[in-house]
Amino acid sequence: MVIREDSYMLIRDVLSKRRPGEIENRDSRYREGAVLVPLLLDQGECKVLFTKRTDHMEDHRGQISFPGGSVDEKDRTFQDTALRETYEEVGVHPEDVTILGRMDDALTMSSN
C-alpha cells in the first residue's frame, strides 16, 4: 500500500479526534497483545511495512503480519508492547518511531 507523504498529518489528525474502541478484558479472558502499523517514508511515498514469519517457527509459520506480540510483564502500556516487539522483530528502535495515534482494539484468532 502506498500513500502520499502528507498523509502522515491526515492520519494523526483523524486518530487524535476520536476515542479508540476498547475491549474490556474482565477476568483476563483474552491474551493481550499489541502491534505497530509501521508507515515508512520512501522517496515521497508513505509505505506500510508488513513482516512475513519464517517457515521455521513453531507457531504462525509463514504468516504475514504487522510487528507485534504478547504483552510482557515489563510493558506498562500496549504502546510499550508494540515498540518492544517491533524492535525485537525488525530492529526499529523505539526512539526512531513517531506514534501517530491508536487504533481500535480488535479480537483476533490465534493458532495457540
Protein backbone atom coordinates (compact mmCIF):
# COMPACT_ATOMS: atom_id res chain seq x y z
CA MET A 1 0.00 0.00 0.00
CA VAL A 2 1.41 3.42 -0.92
CA ILE A 3 0.07 6.78 0.28
CA ARG A 4 1.36 10.32 -0.18
CA GLU A 5 3.76 11.98 2.27
CA ASP A 6 1.16 14.47 3.55
CA SER A 7 -0.98 11.54 4.68
CA TYR A 8 1.03 11.32 7.93
CA MET A 9 -0.60 14.53 9.14
CA LEU A 10 -4.05 13.42 8.00
CA ILE A 11 -3.71 10.09 9.80
CA ARG A 12 -2.52 11.80 13.00
CA ASP A 13 -5.39 14.32 12.81
CA VAL A 14 -8.05 11.65 12.30
CA LEU A 15 -6.73 9.45 15.11
CA SER A 16 -6.39 12.37 17.54
CA LYS A 17 -10.04 13.38 17.10
CA ARG A 18 -11.55 10.06 18.03
CA ARG A 19 -11.66 7.79 21.02
CA PRO A 20 -10.42 4.29 20.14
CA GLY A 21 -12.80 1.42 20.74
CA GLU A 22 -11.64 -0.64 23.69
CA ILE A 23 -12.45 -4.23 24.55
CA GLU A 24 -12.73 -4.94 28.26
CA ASN A 25 -10.70 -7.92 29.40
CA ARG A 26 -12.51 -8.84 32.58
CA ASP A 27 -11.05 -11.81 34.41
CA SER A 28 -8.15 -11.86 31.90
CA ARG A 29 -10.33 -13.79 29.48
CA TYR A 30 -8.24 -12.73 26.48
CA ARG A 31 -4.49 -12.87 25.98
CA GLU A 32 -3.44 -9.29 25.34
CA GLY A 33 -1.02 -8.13 22.70
CA ALA A 34 -0.22 -5.16 20.53
CA VAL A 35 1.06 -4.44 17.05
CA LEU A 36 2.59 -1.45 15.33
CA VAL A 37 1.45 -0.44 11.85
CA PRO A 38 4.75 0.97 10.56
CA LEU A 39 4.48 3.71 7.95
CA LEU A 40 7.79 4.40 6.21
CA LEU A 41 8.59 7.41 4.06
CA ASP A 42 10.42 6.37 0.87
CA GLN A 43 11.12 8.98 -1.82
CA GLY A 44 7.98 10.97 -1.04
CA GLU A 45 5.74 7.93 -0.72
CA CYS A 46 4.47 6.51 2.54
CA LYS A 47 4.62 2.71 2.59
CA VAL A 48 3.19 0.21 5.06
CA LEU A 49 5.63 -2.38 6.43
CA PHE A 50 4.47 -5.96 6.89
CA THR A 51 6.53 -8.88 8.16
CA LYS A 52 6.49 -12.49 6.98
CA ARG A 53 7.04 -15.08 9.67
CA THR A 54 9.75 -17.59 8.88
CA ASP A 55 8.72 -21.09 7.81
CA HIS A 56 10.92 -22.48 10.60
CA MET A 57 8.88 -21.11 13.51
CA GLU A 58 6.85 -23.31 15.82
CA ASP A 59 3.80 -21.00 15.69
CA HIS A 60 2.45 -18.74 12.95
CA ARG A 61 4.87 -20.01 10.32
CA GLY A 62 4.67 -18.20 7.00
CA GLN A 63 2.04 -15.70 8.19
CA ILE A 64 2.01 -12.08 7.03
CA SER A 65 1.63 -9.66 9.93
CA PHE A 66 2.47 -6.34 11.49
CA PRO A 67 5.29 -6.47 14.03
CA GLY A 68 3.91 -7.16 17.49
CA GLY A 69 3.04 -9.79 20.01
CA SER A 70 2.00 -10.59 23.55
CA VAL A 71 2.23 -8.16 26.44
CA ASP A 72 5.18 -8.85 28.75
CA GLU A 73 5.19 -8.13 32.49
CA LYS A 74 7.67 -5.27 31.93
CA ASP A 75 5.38 -3.50 29.41
CA ARG A 76 3.46 -0.66 31.08
CA THR A 77 1.23 0.03 28.06
CA PHE A 78 0.18 -1.55 24.77
CA GLN A 79 2.38 1.05 23.09
CA ASP A 80 5.37 -0.29 25.06
CA THR A 81 4.49 -3.78 23.82
CA ALA A 82 4.22 -2.71 20.19
CA LEU A 83 7.50 -0.78 20.30
CA ARG A 84 9.39 -3.59 22.07
CA GLU A 85 8.12 -6.24 19.69
CA THR A 86 8.89 -4.07 16.65
CA TYR A 87 12.45 -3.66 17.84
CA GLU A 88 12.80 -7.41 18.53
CA GLU A 89 11.31 -8.43 15.18
CA VAL A 90 12.61 -5.86 12.69
CA GLY A 91 15.24 -3.83 14.58
CA VAL A 92 13.45 -0.47 14.60
CA HIS A 93 14.49 1.41 17.76
CA PRO A 94 11.59 2.86 19.79
CA GLU A 95 13.23 6.29 19.78
CA ASP A 96 13.08 6.28 15.97
CA VAL A 97 9.28 5.85 15.98
CA THR A 98 6.75 8.68 15.94
CA ILE A 99 3.38 7.44 17.18
CA LEU A 100 0.59 8.94 15.07
CA GLY A 101 -2.24 7.54 17.16
CA ARG A 102 -4.03 4.47 18.42
CA MET A 103 -6.47 2.30 16.55
CA ASP A 104 -9.41 0.32 17.96
CA ASP A 105 -8.89 -2.85 19.95
CA ALA A 106 -9.70 -6.00 17.99
CA LEU A 107 -10.21 -9.65 18.80
CA THR A 108 -8.17 -11.97 16.61
CA MET A 109 -7.89 -15.71 16.23
CA SER A 110 -4.63 -17.29 17.30
CA SER A 111 -3.25 -20.68 16.44
CA ASN A 112 -2.42 -21.42 20.06
